[in-house]
PDB file of N, CA and C in Angstrom:
ATOM      1  N   MET A   1     -16.993   3.969  31.973  1.00  0.00           N
ATOM      2  CA  MET A   1     -16.583   5.076  31.122  1.00  0.00           C
ATOM      3  C   MET A   1     -15.339   5.727  31.719  1.00  0.00           C
ATOM      4  N   ILE A   2     -14.436   6.130  30.853  1.00  0.00           N
ATOM      5  CA  ILE A   2     -13.201   6.779  31.277  1.00  0.00           C
ATOM      6  C   ILE A   2     -13.229   8.232  30.837  1.00  0.00           C
ATOM      7  N   THR A   3     -12.877   9.101  31.745  1.00  0.00           N
ATOM      8  CA  THR A   3     -12.769  10.523  31.426  1.00  0.00           C
ATOM      9  C   THR A   3     -11.304  10.914  31.527  1.00  0.00           C
ATOM     10  N   VAL A   4     -10.819  11.589  30.483  1.00  0.00           N
ATOM     11  CA  VAL A   4      -9.408  11.950  30.432  1.00  0.00           C
ATOM     12  C   VAL A   4      -9.281  13.431  30.115  1.00  0.00           C
ATOM     13  N   GLU A   5      -8.432  14.115  30.872  1.00  0.00           N
ATOM     14  CA  GLU A   5      -8.131  15.516  30.591  1.00  0.00           C
ATOM     15  C   GLU A   5      -6.923  15.570  29.668  1.00  0.00           C
ATOM     16  N   ILE A   6      -7.075  16.209  28.515  1.00  0.00           N
ATOM     17  CA  ILE A   6      -5.956  16.358  27.597  1.00  0.00           C
ATOM     18  C   ILE A   6      -5.860  17.801  27.134  1.00  0.00           C
ATOM     19  N   GLN A   7      -4.731  18.129  26.557  1.00  0.00           N
ATOM     20  CA  GLN A   7      -4.515  19.488  26.065  1.00  0.00           C
ATOM     21  C   GLN A   7      -5.519  19.801  24.964  1.00  0.00           C
ATOM     22  N   PRO A   8      -5.969  21.040  24.866  1.00  0.00           N
ATOM     23  CA  PRO A   8      -6.985  21.413  23.861  1.00  0.00           C
ATOM     24  C   PRO A   8      -6.580  21.049  22.422  1.00  0.00           C
ATOM     25  N   GLN A   9      -5.317  21.284  22.052  1.00  0.00           N
ATOM     26  CA  GLN A   9      -4.899  20.966  20.683  1.00  0.00           C
ATOM     27  C   GLN A   9      -4.923  19.460  20.428  1.00  0.00           C
ATOM     28  N   LEU A  10      -4.519  18.687  21.431  1.00  0.00           N
ATOM     29  CA  LEU A  10      -4.558  17.230  21.298  1.00  0.00           C
ATOM     30  C   LEU A  10      -5.999  16.750  21.146  1.00  0.00           C
ATOM     31  N   GLU A  11      -6.891  17.339  21.895  1.00  0.00           N
ATOM     32  CA  GLU A  11      -8.312  16.977  21.777  1.00  0.00           C
ATOM     33  C   GLU A  11      -8.840  17.312  20.387  1.00  0.00           C
ATOM     34  N   LYS A  12      -8.462  18.473  19.878  1.00  0.00           N
ATOM     35  CA  LYS A  12      -8.895  18.890  18.539  1.00  0.00           C
ATOM     36  C   LYS A  12      -8.364  17.911  17.486  1.00  0.00           C
ATOM     37  N   ASP A  13      -7.085  17.552  17.608  1.00  0.00           N
ATOM     38  CA  ASP A  13      -6.490  16.607  16.668  1.00  0.00           C
ATOM     39  C   ASP A  13      -7.172  15.243  16.760  1.00  0.00           C
ATOM     40  N   PHE A  14      -7.434  14.794  17.980  1.00  0.00           N
ATOM     41  CA  PHE A  14      -8.090  13.513  18.195  1.00  0.00           C
ATOM     42  C   PHE A  14      -9.468  13.500  17.540  1.00  0.00           C
ATOM     43  N   ARG A  15     -10.236  14.541  17.761  1.00  0.00           N
ATOM     44  CA  ARG A  15     -11.579  14.608  17.180  1.00  0.00           C
ATOM     45  C   ARG A  15     -11.528  14.591  15.651  1.00  0.00           C
ATOM     46  N   ALA A  16     -10.543  15.267  15.071  1.00  0.00           N
ATOM     47  CA  ALA A  16     -10.399  15.283  13.610  1.00  0.00           C
ATOM     48  C   ALA A  16     -10.068  13.887  13.094  1.00  0.00           C
ATOM     49  N   ILE A  17      -9.185  13.191  13.779  1.00  0.00           N
ATOM     50  CA  ILE A  17      -8.816  11.824  13.385  1.00  0.00           C
ATOM     51  C   ILE A  17     -10.015  10.896  13.508  1.00  0.00           C
ATOM     52  N   VAL A  18     -10.752  11.040  14.604  1.00  0.00           N
ATOM     53  CA  VAL A  18     -11.929  10.191  14.831  1.00  0.00           C
ATOM     54  C   VAL A  18     -12.957  10.408  13.722  1.00  0.00           C
ATOM     55  N   GLN A  19     -13.174  11.649  13.334  1.00  0.00           N
ATOM     56  CA  GLN A  19     -14.134  11.937  12.267  1.00  0.00           C
ATOM     57  C   GLN A  19     -13.658  11.380  10.931  1.00  0.00           C
ATOM     58  N   LYS A  20     -12.381  11.597  10.629  1.00  0.00           N
ATOM     59  CA  LYS A  20     -11.849  11.211   9.319  1.00  0.00           C
ATOM     60  C   LYS A  20     -11.742   9.698   9.143  1.00  0.00           C
ATOM     61  N   PHE A  21     -11.266   9.003  10.163  1.00  0.00           N
ATOM     62  CA  PHE A  21     -10.958   7.586  10.007  1.00  0.00           C
ATOM     63  C   PHE A  21     -11.927   6.634  10.706  1.00  0.00           C
ATOM     64  N   TYR A  22     -12.706   7.126  11.652  1.00  0.00           N
ATOM     65  CA  TYR A  22     -13.569   6.234  12.447  1.00  0.00           C
ATOM     66  C   TYR A  22     -15.030   6.657  12.454  1.00  0.00           C
ATOM     67  N   ASN A  23     -15.412   7.501  11.513  1.00  0.00           N
ATOM     68  CA  ASN A  23     -16.807   7.949  11.382  1.00  0.00           C
ATOM     69  C   ASN A  23     -17.376   8.454  12.705  1.00  0.00           C
ATOM     70  N   GLY A  24     -16.550   9.137  13.481  1.00  0.00           N
ATOM     71  CA  GLY A  24     -17.003   9.709  14.737  1.00  0.00           C
ATOM     72  C   GLY A  24     -17.039   8.753  15.912  1.00  0.00           C
ATOM     73  N   ASP A  25     -16.625   7.520  15.712  1.00  0.00           N
ATOM     74  CA  ASP A  25     -16.678   6.511  16.773  1.00  0.00           C
ATOM     75  C   ASP A  25     -15.414   6.588  17.632  1.00  0.00           C
ATOM     76  N   GLU A  26     -15.497   7.324  18.738  1.00  0.00           N
ATOM     77  CA  GLU A  26     -14.347   7.504  19.624  1.00  0.00           C
ATOM     78  C   GLU A  26     -13.880   6.187  20.236  1.00  0.00           C
ATOM     79  N   CYS A  27     -14.812   5.305  20.568  1.00  0.00           N
ATOM     80  CA  CYS A  27     -14.445   4.011  21.166  1.00  0.00           C
ATOM     81  C   CYS A  27     -13.606   3.184  20.194  1.00  0.00           C
ATOM     82  N   ALA A  28     -14.000   3.163  18.928  1.00  0.00           N
ATOM     83  CA  ALA A  28     -13.236   2.408  17.935  1.00  0.00           C
ATOM     84  C   ALA A  28     -11.829   2.980  17.800  1.00  0.00           C
ATOM     85  N   ALA A  29     -11.707   4.305  17.811  1.00  0.00           N
ATOM     86  CA  ALA A  29     -10.394   4.942  17.686  1.00  0.00           C
ATOM     87  C   ALA A  29      -9.511   4.603  18.882  1.00  0.00           C
ATOM     88  N   ILE A  30     -10.068   4.655  20.069  1.00  0.00           N
ATOM     89  CA  ILE A  30      -9.290   4.348  21.270  1.00  0.00           C
ATOM     90  C   ILE A  30      -8.913   2.871  21.299  1.00  0.00           C
ATOM     91  N   ASN A  31      -9.854   1.995  20.941  1.00  0.00           N
ATOM     92  CA  ASN A  31      -9.547   0.555  20.891  1.00  0.00           C
ATOM     93  C   ASN A  31      -8.396   0.281  19.933  1.00  0.00           C
ATOM     94  N   GLU A  32      -8.422   0.921  18.769  1.00  0.00           N
ATOM     95  CA  GLU A  32      -7.352   0.726  17.789  1.00  0.00           C
ATOM     96  C   GLU A  32      -6.025   1.242  18.321  1.00  0.00           C
ATOM     97  N   ALA A  33      -6.052   2.385  18.991  1.00  0.00           N
ATOM     98  CA  ALA A  33      -4.821   2.942  19.560  1.00  0.00           C
ATOM     99  C   ALA A  33      -4.235   2.012  20.617  1.00  0.00           C
ATOM    100  N   VAL A  34      -5.081   1.452  21.453  1.00  0.00           N
ATOM    101  CA  VAL A  34      -4.613   0.526  22.492  1.00  0.00           C
ATOM    102  C   VAL A  34      -4.020  -0.730  21.847  1.00  0.00           C
ATOM    103  N   LYS A  35      -4.700  -1.274  20.818  1.00  0.00           N
ATOM    104  CA  LYS A  35      -4.170  -2.449  20.122  1.00  0.00           C
ATOM    105  C   LYS A  35      -2.800  -2.155  19.520  1.00  0.00           C
ATOM    106  N   LEU A  36      -2.661  -0.998  18.886  1.00  0.00           N
ATOM    107  CA  LEU A  36      -1.372  -0.641  18.287  1.00  0.00           C
ATOM    108  C   LEU A  36      -0.288  -0.505  19.351  1.00  0.00           C
ATOM    109  N   PHE A  37      -0.627   0.085  20.477  1.00  0.00           N
ATOM    110  CA  PHE A  37       0.337   0.223  21.562  1.00  0.00           C
ATOM    111  C   PHE A  37       0.786  -1.150  22.057  1.00  0.00           C
ATOM    112  N   ILE A  38      -0.165  -2.038  22.241  1.00  0.00           N
ATOM    113  CA  ILE A  38       0.154  -3.386  22.710  1.00  0.00           C
ATOM    114  C   ILE A  38       1.047  -4.094  21.690  1.00  0.00           C
ATOM    115  N   GLU A  39       0.690  -4.002  20.397  1.00  0.00           N
ATOM    116  CA  GLU A  39       1.484  -4.654  19.360  1.00  0.00           C
ATOM    117  C   GLU A  39       2.908  -4.114  19.311  1.00  0.00           C
ATOM    118  N   GLU A  40       3.071  -2.808  19.490  1.00  0.00           N
ATOM    119  CA  GLU A  40       4.401  -2.213  19.461  1.00  0.00           C
ATOM    120  C   GLU A  40       5.273  -2.711  20.606  1.00  0.00           C
ATOM    121  N   ASN A  41       4.657  -3.107  21.683  1.00  0.00           N
ATOM    122  CA  ASN A  41       5.405  -3.533  22.854  1.00  0.00           C
ATOM    123  C   ASN A  41       5.488  -5.049  22.992  1.00  0.00           C
ATOM    124  N   MET A  42       5.059  -5.760  21.967  1.00  0.00           N
ATOM    125  CA  MET A  42       5.150  -7.218  21.979  1.00  0.00           C
ATOM    126  C   MET A  42       6.516  -7.632  21.445  1.00  0.00           C
ATOM    127  N   THR A  43       7.014  -8.745  21.928  1.00  0.00           N
ATOM    128  CA  THR A  43       8.250  -9.294  21.392  1.00  0.00           C
ATOM    129  C   THR A  43       7.957  -9.922  20.026  1.00  0.00           C
ATOM    130  N   TRP A  44       9.008 -10.181  19.265  1.00  0.00           N
ATOM    131  CA  TRP A  44       8.798 -10.805  17.960  1.00  0.00           C
ATOM    132  C   TRP A  44       8.190 -12.188  18.126  1.00  0.00           C
ATOM    133  N   GLU A  45       8.504 -12.866  19.236  1.00  0.00           N
ATOM    134  CA  GLU A  45       7.936 -14.189  19.466  1.00  0.00           C
ATOM    135  C   GLU A  45       6.430 -14.115  19.678  1.00  0.00           C
ATOM    136  N   GLU A  46       5.994 -13.114  20.457  1.00  0.00           N
ATOM    137  CA  GLU A  46       4.558 -12.953  20.704  1.00  0.00           C
ATOM    138  C   GLU A  46       3.823 -12.602  19.406  1.00  0.00           C
ATOM    139  N   LYS A  47       4.420 -11.725  18.596  1.00  0.00           N
ATOM    140  CA  LYS A  47       3.813 -11.367  17.310  1.00  0.00           C
ATOM    141  C   LYS A  47       3.739 -12.589  16.403  1.00  0.00           C
ATOM    142  N   PHE A  48       4.822 -13.387  16.385  1.00  0.00           N
ATOM    143  CA  PHE A  48       4.833 -14.598  15.573  1.00  0.00           C
ATOM    144  C   PHE A  48       3.749 -15.561  16.035  1.00  0.00           C
ATOM    145  N   ASP A  49       3.624 -15.742  17.351  1.00  0.00           N
ATOM    146  CA  ASP A  49       2.595 -16.637  17.887  1.00  0.00           C
ATOM    147  C   ASP A  49       1.199 -16.187  17.465  1.00  0.00           C
ATOM    148  N   GLU A  50       0.936 -14.884  17.525  1.00  0.00           N
ATOM    149  CA  GLU A  50      -0.369 -14.371  17.109  1.00  0.00           C
ATOM    150  C   GLU A  50      -0.615 -14.618  15.633  1.00  0.00           C
ATOM    151  N   ALA A  51       0.401 -14.352  14.815  1.00  0.00           N
ATOM    152  CA  ALA A  51       0.268 -14.569  13.374  1.00  0.00           C
ATOM    153  C   ALA A  51       0.044 -16.048  13.077  1.00  0.00           C
ATOM    154  N   LEU A  52       0.785 -16.899  13.753  1.00  0.00           N
ATOM    155  CA  LEU A  52       0.648 -18.339  13.557  1.00  0.00           C
ATOM    156  C   LEU A  52      -0.759 -18.807  13.936  1.00  0.00           C
ATOM    157  N   GLU A  53      -1.264 -18.313  15.031  1.00  0.00           N
ATOM    158  CA  GLU A  53      -2.610 -18.690  15.463  1.00  0.00           C
ATOM    159  C   GLU A  53      -3.657 -18.215  14.456  1.00  0.00           C
ATOM    160  N   ALA A  54      -3.470 -17.029  13.910  1.00  0.00           N
ATOM    161  CA  ALA A  54      -4.400 -16.518  12.896  1.00  0.00           C
ATOM    162  C   ALA A  54      -4.386 -17.400  11.648  1.00  0.00           C
ATOM    163  N   VAL A  55      -3.202 -17.836  11.234  1.00  0.00           N
ATOM    164  CA  VAL A  55      -3.093 -18.728  10.080  1.00  0.00           C
ATOM    165  C   VAL A  55      -3.779 -20.058  10.382  1.00  0.00           C
ATOM    166  N   ARG A  56      -3.545 -20.590  11.574  1.00  0.00           N
ATOM    167  CA  ARG A  56      -4.186 -21.862  11.953  1.00  0.00           C
ATOM    168  C   ARG A  56      -5.709 -21.747  11.882  1.00  0.00           C
ATOM    169  N   GLU A  57      -6.243 -20.648  12.394  1.00  0.00           N
ATOM    170  CA  GLU A  57      -7.690 -20.452  12.371  1.00  0.00           C
ATOM    171  C   GLU A  57      -8.217 -20.387  10.948  1.00  0.00           C
ATOM    172  N   ARG A  58      -7.494 -19.695  10.064  1.00  0.00           N
ATOM    173  CA  ARG A  58      -7.924 -19.596   8.667  1.00  0.00           C
ATOM    174  C   ARG A  58      -7.865 -20.945   7.973  1.00  0.00           C
ATOM    175  N   VAL A  59      -6.807 -21.696   8.220  1.00  0.00           N
ATOM    176  CA  VAL A  59      -6.668 -23.022   7.612  1.00  0.00           C
ATOM    177  C   VAL A  59      -7.771 -23.940   8.122  1.00  0.00           C
ATOM    178  N   ASP A  60      -8.008 -23.929   9.424  1.00  0.00           N
ATOM    179  CA  ASP A  60      -9.067 -24.771  10.003  1.00  0.00           C
ATOM    180  C   ASP A  60     -10.430 -24.401   9.432  1.00  0.00           C
ATOM    181  N   ALA A  61     -10.671 -23.112   9.254  1.00  0.00           N
ATOM    182  CA  ALA A  61     -11.953 -22.658   8.730  1.00  0.00           C
ATOM    183  C   ALA A  61     -12.176 -23.149   7.300  1.00  0.00           C
ATOM    184  N   LYS A  62     -11.085 -23.385   6.573  1.00  0.00           N
ATOM    185  CA  LYS A  62     -11.195 -23.859   5.185  1.00  0.00           C
ATOM    186  C   LYS A  62     -11.087 -25.370   5.080  1.00  0.00           C
ATOM    187  N   GLY A  63     -11.089 -26.053   6.210  1.00  0.00           N
ATOM    188  CA  GLY A  63     -11.101 -27.509   6.181  1.00  0.00           C
ATOM    189  C   GLY A  63      -9.754 -28.171   6.359  1.00  0.00           C
ATOM    190  N   GLY A  64      -8.736 -27.412   6.721  1.00  0.00           N
ATOM    191  CA  GLY A  64      -7.431 -28.008   6.987  1.00  0.00           C
ATOM    192  C   GLY A  64      -6.529 -28.033   5.760  1.00  0.00           C
ATOM    193  N   ILE A  65      -5.404 -28.702   5.918  1.00  0.00           N
ATOM    194  CA  ILE A  65      -4.413 -28.801   4.848  1.00  0.00           C
ATOM    195  C   ILE A  65      -3.843 -30.222   4.861  1.00  0.00           C
ATOM    196  N   SER A  66      -3.647 -30.764   3.678  1.00  0.00           N
ATOM    197  CA  SER A  66      -3.178 -32.152   3.585  1.00  0.00           C
ATOM    198  C   SER A  66      -1.657 -32.223   3.713  1.00  0.00           C
ATOM    199  N   ASP A  67      -1.164 -33.427   4.015  1.00  0.00           N
ATOM    200  CA  ASP A  67       0.277 -33.655   4.084  1.00  0.00           C
ATOM    201  C   ASP A  67       0.936 -33.338   2.741  1.00  0.00           C
ATOM    202  N   GLU A  68       0.261 -33.683   1.660  1.00  0.00           N
ATOM    203  CA  GLU A  68       0.801 -33.426   0.322  1.00  0.00           C
ATOM    204  C   GLU A  68       0.942 -31.917   0.071  1.00  0.00           C
ATOM    205  N   GLU A  69      -0.052 -31.141   0.475  1.00  0.00           N
ATOM    206  CA  GLU A  69       0.028 -29.681   0.302  1.00  0.00           C
ATOM    207  C   GLU A  69       1.184 -29.098   1.107  1.00  0.00           C
ATOM    208  N   ILE A  70       1.397 -29.618   2.296  1.00  0.00           N
ATOM    209  CA  ILE A  70       2.509 -29.151   3.126  1.00  0.00           C
ATOM    210  C   ILE A  70       3.835 -29.468   2.451  1.00  0.00           C
ATOM    211  N   GLU A  71       3.981 -30.690   1.961  1.00  0.00           N
ATOM    212  CA  GLU A  71       5.223 -31.089   1.287  1.00  0.00           C
ATOM    213  C   GLU A  71       5.471 -30.242   0.042  1.00  0.00           C
ATOM    214  N   GLN A  72       4.427 -29.973  -0.729  1.00  0.00           N
ATOM    215  CA  GLN A  72       4.581 -29.134  -1.925  1.00  0.00           C
ATOM    216  C   GLN A  72       5.025 -27.718  -1.546  1.00  0.00           C
ATOM    217  N   ALA A  73       4.465 -27.191  -0.488  1.00  0.00           N
ATOM    218  CA  ALA A  73       4.842 -25.848  -0.040  1.00  0.00           C
ATOM    219  C   ALA A  73       6.305 -25.820   0.397  1.00  0.00           C
ATOM    220  N   ILE A  74       6.733 -26.834   1.113  1.00  0.00           N
ATOM    221  CA  ILE A  74       8.132 -26.919   1.552  1.00  0.00           C
ATOM    222  C   ILE A  74       9.057 -26.964   0.339  1.00  0.00           C
ATOM    223  N   GLN A  75       8.705 -27.766  -0.644  1.00  0.00           N
ATOM    224  CA  GLN A  75       9.528 -27.881  -1.852  1.00  0.00           C
ATOM    225  C   GLN A  75       9.608 -26.547  -2.594  1.00  0.00           C
ATOM    226  N   ARG A  76       8.493 -25.829  -2.672  1.00  0.00           N
ATOM    227  CA  ARG A  76       8.507 -24.511  -3.339  1.00  0.00           C
ATOM    228  C   ARG A  76       9.435 -23.543  -2.620  1.00  0.00           C
ATOM    229  N   VAL A  77       9.386 -23.527  -1.300  1.00  0.00           N
ATOM    230  CA  VAL A  77      10.256 -22.635  -0.525  1.00  0.00           C
ATOM    231  C   VAL A  77      11.713 -23.013  -0.740  1.00  0.00           C
ATOM    232  N   ARG A  78      12.008 -24.286  -0.693  1.00  0.00           N
ATOM    233  CA  ARG A  78      13.394 -24.732  -0.889  1.00  0.00           C
ATOM    234  C   ARG A  78      13.909 -24.378  -2.283  1.00  0.00           C
ATOM    235  N   GLN A  79      13.079 -24.553  -3.291  1.00  0.00           N
ATOM    236  CA  GLN A  79      13.478 -24.204  -4.651  1.00  0.00           C
ATOM    237  C   GLN A  79      13.746 -22.702  -4.770  1.00  0.00           C
ATOM    238  N   ARG A  80      12.878 -21.910  -4.161  1.00  0.00           N
ATOM    239  CA  ARG A  80      13.052 -20.454  -4.208  1.00  0.00           C
ATOM    240  C   ARG A  80      14.346 -20.047  -3.515  1.00  0.00           C
ATOM    241  N   LYS A  81      14.611 -20.646  -2.364  1.00  0.00           N
ATOM    242  CA  LYS A  81      15.833 -20.315  -1.631  1.00  0.00           C
ATOM    243  C   LYS A  81      17.081 -20.738  -2.398  1.00  0.00           C
ATOM    244  N   ARG A  82      17.015 -21.884  -3.051  1.00  0.00           N
ATOM    245  CA  ARG A  82      18.157 -22.322  -3.868  1.00  0.00           C
ATOM    246  C   ARG A  82      18.396 -21.327  -5.002  1.00  0.00           C
ATOM    247  N   ALA A  83      17.321 -20.886  -5.627  1.00  0.00           N
ATOM    248  CA  ALA A  83      17.433 -19.928  -6.726  1.00  0.00           C
ATOM    249  C   ALA A  83      18.014 -18.595  -6.244  1.00  0.00           C
ATOM    250  N   GLU A  84      17.748 -18.251  -4.993  1.00  0.00           N
ATOM    251  CA  GLU A  84      18.274 -17.019  -4.417  1.00  0.00           C
ATOM    252  C   GLU A  84      19.688 -17.203  -3.858  1.00  0.00           C
ATOM    253  N   GLY A  85      20.213 -18.421  -3.947  1.00  0.00           N
ATOM    254  CA  GLY A  85      21.563 -18.683  -3.469  1.00  0.00           C
ATOM    255  C   GLY A  85      21.653 -19.039  -2.010  1.00  0.00           C
ATOM    256  N   GLU A  86      20.529 -19.256  -1.357  1.00  0.00           N
ATOM    257  CA  GLU A  86      20.517 -19.611   0.060  1.00  0.00           C
ATOM    258  C   GLU A  86      20.179 -21.085   0.191  1.00  0.00           C
ATOM    259  N   VAL A  87      21.193 -21.908   0.235  1.00  0.00           N
ATOM    260  CA  VAL A  87      20.988 -23.343   0.320  1.00  0.00           C
ATOM    261  C   VAL A  87      21.370 -23.813   1.709  1.00  0.00           C
ATOM    262  N   ARG A  88      20.400 -24.334   2.444  1.00  0.00           N
ATOM    263  CA  ARG A  88      20.656 -24.827   3.795  1.00  0.00           C
ATOM    264  C   ARG A  88      20.171 -26.253   3.967  1.00  0.00           C
ATOM    265  N   TYR A  89      19.672 -26.889   2.951  1.00  0.00           N
ATOM    266  CA  TYR A  89      19.073 -28.219   3.122  1.00  0.00           C
ATOM    267  C   TYR A  89      19.919 -29.251   2.447  1.00  0.00           C
TER     268      TYR A  89
END
């Protein structure tokens, strides 16, 4: 357990936030604050890696993706980019 001394107004504000958004669960509020702090201090590469891993897990959970589905997705992106005037392929 961690004990922290904070200013009375900050404590009052914290308790109000915990009640409003976390149903009184101080641990959940602190965990969320720590996660947000960590995310804010991550590089774009680290954030991308996390997002990519989350997508991989979701795809794997649904049984994977076929080569044909990947090719169709690539073609859709290329068509959209061409329509937007961004042609690089």
